Amino acid sequence: MSIVEEGQLKGSFKGFKNRETVFEFYAGKTWKQNEYKYHYHYAYMPRAKVINEGGRYYLEVEGTNEKVEVKRV
């Protein structure tokens, strides 16, 4: 496991929804959800990180116990 990106997400985070959900970091990089997973959690500008596990990328958001597979946009 390695951390690919770490920082703050822009704006309101409303959880994981579907493959169209986009997450933008303040540094400007954007990631898109790459699996169907629904988990509602509201946070304003939460800290988050993208990790690489076995060649797949996962987004972990502070305040949730969930992670979701993402791909770079």
PDB file of N, CA and C in Angstrom:
ATOM      1  N   MET A   1       0.851  -1.187   0.000  1.00  0.00           N
ATOM      2  CA  MET A   1       0.000   0.000   0.000  1.00  0.00           C
ATOM      3  C   MET A   1       0.888   1.238   0.000  1.00  0.00           C
ATOM      4  N   SER A   2       0.559   2.177  -0.869  1.00  0.00           N
ATOM      5  CA  SER A   2       1.276   3.452  -0.888  1.00  0.00           C
ATOM      6  C   SER A   2       0.281   4.586  -1.085  1.00  0.00           C
ATOM      7  N   ILE A   3       0.590   5.731  -0.490  1.00  0.00           N
ATOM      8  CA  ILE A   3      -0.267   6.909  -0.625  1.00  0.00           C
ATOM      9  C   ILE A   3       0.109   7.628  -1.907  1.00  0.00           C
ATOM     10  N   VAL A   4      -0.885   7.827  -2.781  1.00  0.00           N
ATOM     11  CA  VAL A   4      -0.684   8.478  -4.073  1.00  0.00           C
ATOM     12  C   VAL A   4      -0.941   9.979  -3.967  1.00  0.00           C
ATOM     13  N   GLU A   5      -1.951  10.325  -3.178  1.00  0.00           N
ATOM     14  CA  GLU A   5      -2.316  11.733  -2.982  1.00  0.00           C
ATOM     15  C   GLU A   5      -2.959  11.888  -1.619  1.00  0.00           C
ATOM     16  N   GLU A   6      -2.695  13.024  -1.001  1.00  0.00           N
ATOM     17  CA  GLU A   6      -3.266  13.297   0.309  1.00  0.00           C
ATOM     18  C   GLU A   6      -3.525  14.787   0.411  1.00  0.00           C
ATOM     19  N   GLY A   7      -4.663  15.162   0.980  1.00  0.00           N
ATOM     20  CA  GLY A   7      -4.982  16.578   1.115  1.00  0.00           C
ATOM     21  C   GLY A   7      -6.441  16.776   1.456  1.00  0.00           C
ATOM     22  N   GLN A   8      -6.944  17.937   1.069  1.00  0.00           N
ATOM     23  CA  GLN A   8      -8.321  18.317   1.355  1.00  0.00           C
ATOM     24  C   GLN A   8      -9.159  18.272   0.093  1.00  0.00           C
ATOM     25  N   LEU A   9     -10.381  17.759   0.214  1.00  0.00           N
ATOM     26  CA  LEU A   9     -11.308  17.777  -0.914  1.00  0.00           C
ATOM     27  C   LEU A   9     -11.942  19.148  -1.003  1.00  0.00           C
ATOM     28  N   LYS A  10     -12.239  19.589  -2.215  1.00  0.00           N
ATOM     29  CA  LYS A  10     -12.894  20.883  -2.438  1.00  0.00           C
ATOM     30  C   LYS A  10     -14.374  20.796  -2.123  1.00  0.00           C
ATOM     31  N   GLY A  11     -14.889  21.798  -1.447  1.00  0.00           N
ATOM     32  CA  GLY A  11     -16.327  21.931  -1.245  1.00  0.00           C
ATOM     33  C   GLY A  11     -16.949  20.876  -0.360  1.00  0.00           C
ATOM     34  N   SER A  12     -18.202  20.575  -0.640  1.00  0.00           N
ATOM     35  CA  SER A  12     -18.987  19.638   0.168  1.00  0.00           C
ATOM     36  C   SER A  12     -18.779  18.205  -0.307  1.00  0.00           C
ATOM     37  N   PHE A  13     -18.531  17.322   0.647  1.00  0.00           N
ATOM     38  CA  PHE A  13     -18.442  15.891   0.375  1.00  0.00           C
ATOM     39  C   PHE A  13     -19.751  15.280   0.845  1.00  0.00           C
ATOM     40  N   LYS A  14     -20.431  14.554  -0.030  1.00  0.00           N
ATOM     41  CA  LYS A  14     -21.722  13.959   0.319  1.00  0.00           C
ATOM     42  C   LYS A  14     -21.695  12.444   0.219  1.00  0.00           C
ATOM     43  N   GLY A  15     -20.505  11.871   0.338  1.00  0.00           N
ATOM     44  CA  GLY A  15     -20.386  10.420   0.352  1.00  0.00           C
ATOM     45  C   GLY A  15     -20.122   9.834  -1.018  1.00  0.00           C
ATOM     46  N   PHE A  16     -20.260   8.526  -1.069  1.00  0.00           N
ATOM     47  CA  PHE A  16     -20.043   7.771  -2.297  1.00  0.00           C
ATOM     48  C   PHE A  16     -21.398   7.430  -2.896  1.00  0.00           C
ATOM     49  N   LYS A  17     -21.536   7.577  -4.220  1.00  0.00           N
ATOM     50  CA  LYS A  17     -22.832   7.337  -4.851  1.00  0.00           C
ATOM     51  C   LYS A  17     -22.748   6.310  -5.964  1.00  0.00           C
ATOM     52  N   ASN A  18     -22.106   6.679  -7.066  1.00  0.00           N
ATOM     53  CA  ASN A  18     -22.050   5.785  -8.227  1.00  0.00           C
ATOM     54  C   ASN A  18     -20.825   6.119  -9.061  1.00  0.00           C
ATOM     55  N   ARG A  19     -20.708   5.507 -10.213  1.00  0.00           N
ATOM     56  CA  ARG A  19     -19.525   5.693 -11.054  1.00  0.00           C
ATOM     57  C   ARG A  19     -19.405   7.100 -11.646  1.00  0.00           C
ATOM     58  N   GLU A  20     -20.391   7.952 -11.450  1.00  0.00           N
ATOM     59  CA  GLU A  20     -20.333   9.323 -11.963  1.00  0.00           C
ATOM     60  C   GLU A  20     -19.874  10.317 -10.890  1.00  0.00           C
ATOM     61  N   THR A  21     -19.657   9.851  -9.678  1.00  0.00           N
ATOM     62  CA  THR A  21     -19.271  10.733  -8.584  1.00  0.00           C
ATOM     63  C   THR A  21     -17.811  11.141  -8.739  1.00  0.00           C
ATOM     64  N   VAL A  22     -17.558  12.454  -8.678  1.00  0.00           N
ATOM     65  CA  VAL A  22     -16.219  13.002  -8.879  1.00  0.00           C
ATOM     66  C   VAL A  22     -15.752  13.666  -7.585  1.00  0.00           C
ATOM     67  N   PHE A  23     -14.473  13.465  -7.278  1.00  0.00           N
ATOM     68  CA  PHE A  23     -13.868  14.050  -6.079  1.00  0.00           C
ATOM     69  C   PHE A  23     -12.684  14.897  -6.519  1.00  0.00           C
ATOM     70  N   GLU A  24     -12.679  16.174  -6.119  1.00  0.00           N
ATOM     71  CA  GLU A  24     -11.596  17.072  -6.522  1.00  0.00           C
ATOM     72  C   GLU A  24     -10.816  17.520  -5.297  1.00  0.00           C
ATOM     73  N   PHE A  25      -9.503  17.351  -5.360  1.00  0.00           N
ATOM     74  CA  PHE A  25      -8.630  17.798  -4.289  1.00  0.00           C
ATOM     75  C   PHE A  25      -8.283  19.263  -4.495  1.00  0.00           C
ATOM     76  N   TYR A  26      -7.968  19.965  -3.412  1.00  0.00           N
ATOM     77  CA  TYR A  26      -7.583  21.367  -3.498  1.00  0.00           C
ATOM     78  C   TYR A  26      -6.353  21.566  -4.371  1.00  0.00           C
ATOM     79  N   ALA A  27      -5.481  20.569  -4.427  1.00  0.00           N
ATOM     80  CA  ALA A  27      -4.274  20.652  -5.257  1.00  0.00           C
ATOM     81  C   ALA A  27      -4.614  20.601  -6.747  1.00  0.00           C
ATOM     82  N   GLY A  28      -5.884  20.284  -7.067  1.00  0.00           N
ATOM     83  CA  GLY A  28      -6.327  20.322  -8.451  1.00  0.00           C
ATOM     84  C   GLY A  28      -6.553  18.974  -9.102  1.00  0.00           C
ATOM     85  N   LYS A  29      -6.040  17.896  -8.511  1.00  0.00           N
ATOM     86  CA  LYS A  29      -6.245  16.574  -9.115  1.00  0.00           C
ATOM     87  C   LYS A  29      -7.669  16.095  -8.862  1.00  0.00           C
ATOM     88  N   THR A  30      -8.204  15.410  -9.870  1.00  0.00           N
ATOM     89  CA  THR A  30      -9.591  14.941  -9.813  1.00  0.00           C
ATOM     90  C   THR A  30      -9.629  13.429  -9.976  1.00  0.00           C
ATOM     91  N   TRP A  31     -10.476  12.800  -9.172  1.00  0.00           N
ATOM     92  CA  TRP A  31     -10.658  11.354  -9.203  1.00  0.00           C
ATOM     93  C   TRP A  31     -12.139  11.051  -9.349  1.00  0.00           C
ATOM     94  N   LYS A  32     -12.453   9.956 -10.034  1.00  0.00           N
ATOM     95  CA  LYS A  32     -13.833   9.564 -10.278  1.00  0.00           C
ATOM     96  C   LYS A  32     -14.076   8.182  -9.668  1.00  0.00           C
ATOM     97  N   GLN A  33     -15.210   8.024  -9.043  1.00  0.00           N
ATOM     98  CA  GLN A  33     -15.561   6.738  -8.439  1.00  0.00           C
ATOM     99  C   GLN A  33     -15.612   5.669  -9.515  1.00  0.00           C
ATOM    100  N   ASN A  34     -15.005   4.499  -9.240  1.00  0.00           N
ATOM    101  CA  ASN A  34     -14.878   3.458 -10.253  1.00  0.00           C
ATOM    102  C   ASN A  34     -15.606   2.170  -9.871  1.00  0.00           C
ATOM    103  N   GLU A  35     -16.523   2.249  -8.951  1.00  0.00           N
ATOM    104  CA  GLU A  35     -17.342   1.094  -8.562  1.00  0.00           C
ATOM    105  C   GLU A  35     -18.650   1.625  -7.998  1.00  0.00           C
ATOM    106  N   TYR A  36     -19.687   0.798  -8.046  1.00  0.00           N
ATOM    107  CA  TYR A  36     -20.944   1.224  -7.429  1.00  0.00           C
ATOM    108  C   TYR A  36     -20.855   0.938  -5.943  1.00  0.00           C
ATOM    109  N   LYS A  37     -20.953   1.992  -5.160  1.00  0.00           N
ATOM    110  CA  LYS A  37     -21.001   1.861  -3.706  1.00  0.00           C
ATOM    111  C   LYS A  37     -21.722   3.089  -3.194  1.00  0.00           C
ATOM    112  N   TYR A  38     -22.747   2.884  -2.392  1.00  0.00           N
ATOM    113  CA  TYR A  38     -23.480   4.016  -1.828  1.00  0.00           C
ATOM    114  C   TYR A  38     -23.211   4.080  -0.330  1.00  0.00           C
ATOM    115  N   HIS A  39     -22.724   5.230   0.090  1.00  0.00           N
ATOM    116  CA  HIS A  39     -22.499   5.491   1.517  1.00  0.00           C
ATOM    117  C   HIS A  39     -22.623   6.994   1.711  1.00  0.00           C
ATOM    118  N   TYR A  40     -23.664   7.449   2.407  1.00  0.00           N
ATOM    119  CA  TYR A  40     -23.863   8.882   2.611  1.00  0.00           C
ATOM    120  C   TYR A  40     -23.094   9.345   3.840  1.00  0.00           C
ATOM    121  N   HIS A  41     -22.380  10.428   3.671  1.00  0.00           N
ATOM    122  CA  HIS A  41     -21.679  11.081   4.785  1.00  0.00           C
ATOM    123  C   HIS A  41     -21.435  12.519   4.351  1.00  0.00           C
ATOM    124  N   TYR A  42     -21.891  13.475   5.140  1.00  0.00           N
ATOM    125  CA  TYR A  42     -21.683  14.877   4.781  1.00  0.00           C
ATOM    126  C   TYR A  42     -20.495  15.438   5.561  1.00  0.00           C
ATOM    127  N   ALA A  43     -19.633  16.122   4.846  1.00  0.00           N
ATOM    128  CA  ALA A  43     -18.524  16.848   5.472  1.00  0.00           C
ATOM    129  C   ALA A  43     -18.134  17.985   4.539  1.00  0.00           C
ATOM    130  N   TYR A  44     -17.713  19.091   5.115  1.00  0.00           N
ATOM    131  CA  TYR A  44     -17.274  20.218   4.304  1.00  0.00           C
ATOM    132  C   TYR A  44     -15.751  20.244   4.267  1.00  0.00           C
ATOM    133  N   MET A  45     -15.191  20.114   3.079  1.00  0.00           N
ATOM    134  CA  MET A  45     -13.762  20.125   2.832  1.00  0.00           C
ATOM    135  C   MET A  45     -12.989  19.132   3.724  1.00  0.00           C
ATOM    136  N   PRO A  46     -13.387  17.863   3.730  1.00  0.00           N
ATOM    137  CA  PRO A  46     -12.697  16.898   4.592  1.00  0.00           C
ATOM    138  C   PRO A  46     -11.310  16.540   4.053  1.00  0.00           C
ATOM    139  N   ARG A  47     -10.461  16.078   4.933  1.00  0.00           N
ATOM    140  CA  ARG A  47      -9.162  15.541   4.520  1.00  0.00           C
ATOM    141  C   ARG A  47      -9.399  14.175   3.903  1.00  0.00           C
ATOM    142  N   ALA A  48      -8.601  13.841   2.898  1.00  0.00           N
ATOM    143  CA  ALA A  48      -8.771  12.568   2.208  1.00  0.00           C
ATOM    144  C   ALA A  48      -7.434  12.116   1.643  1.00  0.00           C
ATOM    145  N   LYS A  49      -7.369  10.843   1.270  1.00  0.00           N
ATOM    146  CA  LYS A  49      -6.165  10.338   0.614  1.00  0.00           C
ATOM    147  C   LYS A  49      -6.540   9.259  -0.375  1.00  0.00           C
ATOM    148  N   VAL A  50      -5.738   9.163  -1.423  1.00  0.00           N
ATOM    149  CA  VAL A  50      -5.867   8.107  -2.420  1.00  0.00           C
ATOM    150  C   VAL A  50      -4.696   7.161  -2.194  1.00  0.00           C
ATOM    151  N   ILE A  51      -5.014   5.877  -2.054  1.00  0.00           N
ATOM    152  CA  ILE A  51      -3.966   4.886  -1.829  1.00  0.00           C
ATOM    153  C   ILE A  51      -3.953   3.880  -2.980  1.00  0.00           C
ATOM    154  N   ASN A  52      -2.793   3.307  -3.218  1.00  0.00           N
ATOM    155  CA  ASN A  52      -2.630   2.284  -4.237  1.00  0.00           C
ATOM    156  C   ASN A  52      -2.485   0.953  -3.519  1.00  0.00           C
ATOM    157  N   GLU A  53      -3.404   0.048  -3.799  1.00  0.00           N
ATOM    158  CA  GLU A  53      -3.362  -1.298  -3.221  1.00  0.00           C
ATOM    159  C   GLU A  53      -3.468  -2.298  -4.363  1.00  0.00           C
ATOM    160  N   GLY A  54      -2.399  -3.009  -4.631  1.00  0.00           N
ATOM    161  CA  GLY A  54      -2.424  -4.027  -5.672  1.00  0.00           C
ATOM    162  C   GLY A  54      -2.758  -3.507  -7.053  1.00  0.00           C
ATOM    163  N   GLY A  55      -2.322  -2.289  -7.368  1.00  0.00           N
ATOM    164  CA  GLY A  55      -2.575  -1.723  -8.687  1.00  0.00           C
ATOM    165  C   GLY A  55      -3.913  -1.024  -8.836  1.00  0.00           C
ATOM    166  N   ARG A  56      -4.704  -1.008  -7.786  1.00  0.00           N
ATOM    167  CA  ARG A  56      -5.984  -0.288  -7.800  1.00  0.00           C
ATOM    168  C   ARG A  56      -5.895   0.902  -6.856  1.00  0.00           C
ATOM    169  N   TYR A  57      -6.654   1.941  -7.172  1.00  0.00           N
ATOM    170  CA  TYR A  57      -6.636   3.153  -6.363  1.00  0.00           C
ATOM    171  C   TYR A  57      -7.917   3.255  -5.546  1.00  0.00           C
ATOM    172  N   TYR A  58      -7.773   3.635  -4.284  1.00  0.00           N
ATOM    173  CA  TYR A  58      -8.914   3.761  -3.379  1.00  0.00           C
ATOM    174  C   TYR A  58      -8.871   5.114  -2.688  1.00  0.00           C
ATOM    175  N   LEU A  59     -10.047   5.719  -2.537  1.00  0.00           N
ATOM    176  CA  LEU A  59     -10.184   6.981  -1.824  1.00  0.00           C
ATOM    177  C   LEU A  59     -10.667   6.693  -0.412  1.00  0.00           C
ATOM    178  N   GLU A  60      -9.963   7.247   0.558  1.00  0.00           N
ATOM    179  CA  GLU A  60     -10.377   7.181   1.959  1.00  0.00           C
ATOM    180  C   GLU A  60     -10.626   8.608   2.418  1.00  0.00           C
ATOM    181  N   VAL A  61     -11.780   8.846   3.040  1.00  0.00           N
ATOM    182  CA  VAL A  61     -12.157  10.185   3.476  1.00  0.00           C
ATOM    183  C   VAL A  61     -12.265  10.198   4.996  1.00  0.00           C
ATOM    184  N   GLU A  62     -11.680  11.211   5.603  1.00  0.00           N
ATOM    185  CA  GLU A  62     -11.705  11.356   7.055  1.00  0.00           C
ATOM    186  C   GLU A  62     -13.148  11.385   7.567  1.00  0.00           C
ATOM    187  N   GLY A  63     -13.407  10.633   8.614  1.00  0.00           N
ATOM    188  CA  GLY A  63     -14.746  10.605   9.198  1.00  0.00           C
ATOM    189  C   GLY A  63     -15.603   9.454   8.715  1.00  0.00           C
ATOM    190  N   THR A  64     -15.106   8.700   7.730  1.00  0.00           N
ATOM    191  CA  THR A  64     -15.827   7.518   7.255  1.00  0.00           C
ATOM    192  C   THR A  64     -14.961   6.286   7.494  1.00  0.00           C
ATOM    193  N   ASN A  65     -15.591   5.149   7.619  1.00  0.00           N
ATOM    194  CA  ASN A  65     -14.866   3.890   7.747  1.00  0.00           C
ATOM    195  C   ASN A  65     -14.871   3.130   6.428  1.00  0.00           C
ATOM    196  N   GLU A  66     -15.272   3.813   5.365  1.00  0.00           N
ATOM    197  CA  GLU A  66     -15.405   3.202   4.049  1.00  0.00           C
ATOM    198  C   GLU A  66     -14.292   3.686   3.132  1.00  0.00           C
ATOM    199  N   LYS A  67     -14.001   2.910   2.119  1.00  0.00           N
ATOM    200  CA  LYS A  67     -13.139   3.362   1.033  1.00  0.00           C
ATOM    201  C   LYS A  67     -13.789   2.935  -0.262  1.00  0.00           C
ATOM    202  N   VAL A  68     -13.483   3.654  -1.329  1.00  0.00           N
ATOM    203  CA  VAL A  68     -14.102   3.359  -2.606  1.00  0.00           C
ATOM    204  C   VAL A  68     -13.027   3.376  -3.695  1.00  0.00           C
ATOM    205  N   GLU A  69     -13.171   2.474  -4.657  1.00  0.00           N
ATOM    206  CA  GLU A  69     -12.221   2.434  -5.769  1.00  0.00           C
ATOM    207  C   GLU A  69     -12.452   3.650  -6.668  1.00  0.00           C
ATOM    208  N   VAL A  70     -11.342   4.286  -7.068  1.00  0.00           N
ATOM    209  CA  VAL A  70     -11.415   5.481  -7.917  1.00  0.00           C
ATOM    210  C   VAL A  70     -10.416   5.343  -9.070  1.00  0.00           C
ATOM    211  N   LYS A  71     -10.611   6.194 -10.093  1.00  0.00           N
ATOM    212  CA  LYS A  71      -9.636   6.297 -11.176  1.00  0.00           C
ATOM    213  C   LYS A  71      -9.374   7.773 -11.444  1.00  0.00           C
ATOM    214  N   ARG A  72      -8.203   8.078 -11.950  1.00  0.00           N
ATOM    215  CA  ARG A  72      -7.812   9.446 -12.233  1.00  0.00           C
ATOM    216  C   ARG A  72      -8.581   9.975 -13.436  1.00  0.00           C
ATOM    217  N   VAL A  73      -9.047  11.207 -13.364  1.00  0.00           N
ATOM    218  CA  VAL A  73      -9.781  11.833 -14.462  1.00  0.00           C
ATOM    219  C   VAL A  73      -8.860  12.816 -15.158  1.00  0.00           C
TER     220      VAL A  73
END
